[in-house]
Amino acid sequence: QVELVESGGGSVEPGGSLKLSCKASILGFSSYNLSWFRGKGGAWVASITSAGGTLYADSVKGRFSISRDNAKNTIYLQMNSLKTEDTGLYFCSLGDSYGQGTQVTVSS
């Protein structure tokens, strides 16, 4: 069983930035693909493969950047040029496991 703990959420104005983190407690972290999702409906945001390849939803492409630090068992989501529609609970996933999420609110 893997535990995923997200952090870094907060409230920002449109155009602002936030960096989310997701720490996983699992052996062999480097061999797993991980993803970020948003909201109750689980809208996919971005994924990073074990090899470091990245994929993004069209709505965040060019504004968000996903990365990983295998030494820290952590992935990150750098979010720039935030929009009001980016508001939501962001959570990371590894396989069928999901964290509790971290809230991002973009509002003026």
Foldseek 3Di string as FASTA:
>chain_A
DKAKDKDWADEEAQQAKIKMKIAIDDPPLLQFKKFKFWAPVGHTAKIAHSVGDIDGDPVQPPFWDWGDDVVRNMIMIIGGRDDQVVFGFMWMDTVPDIYPTDTHGYHD
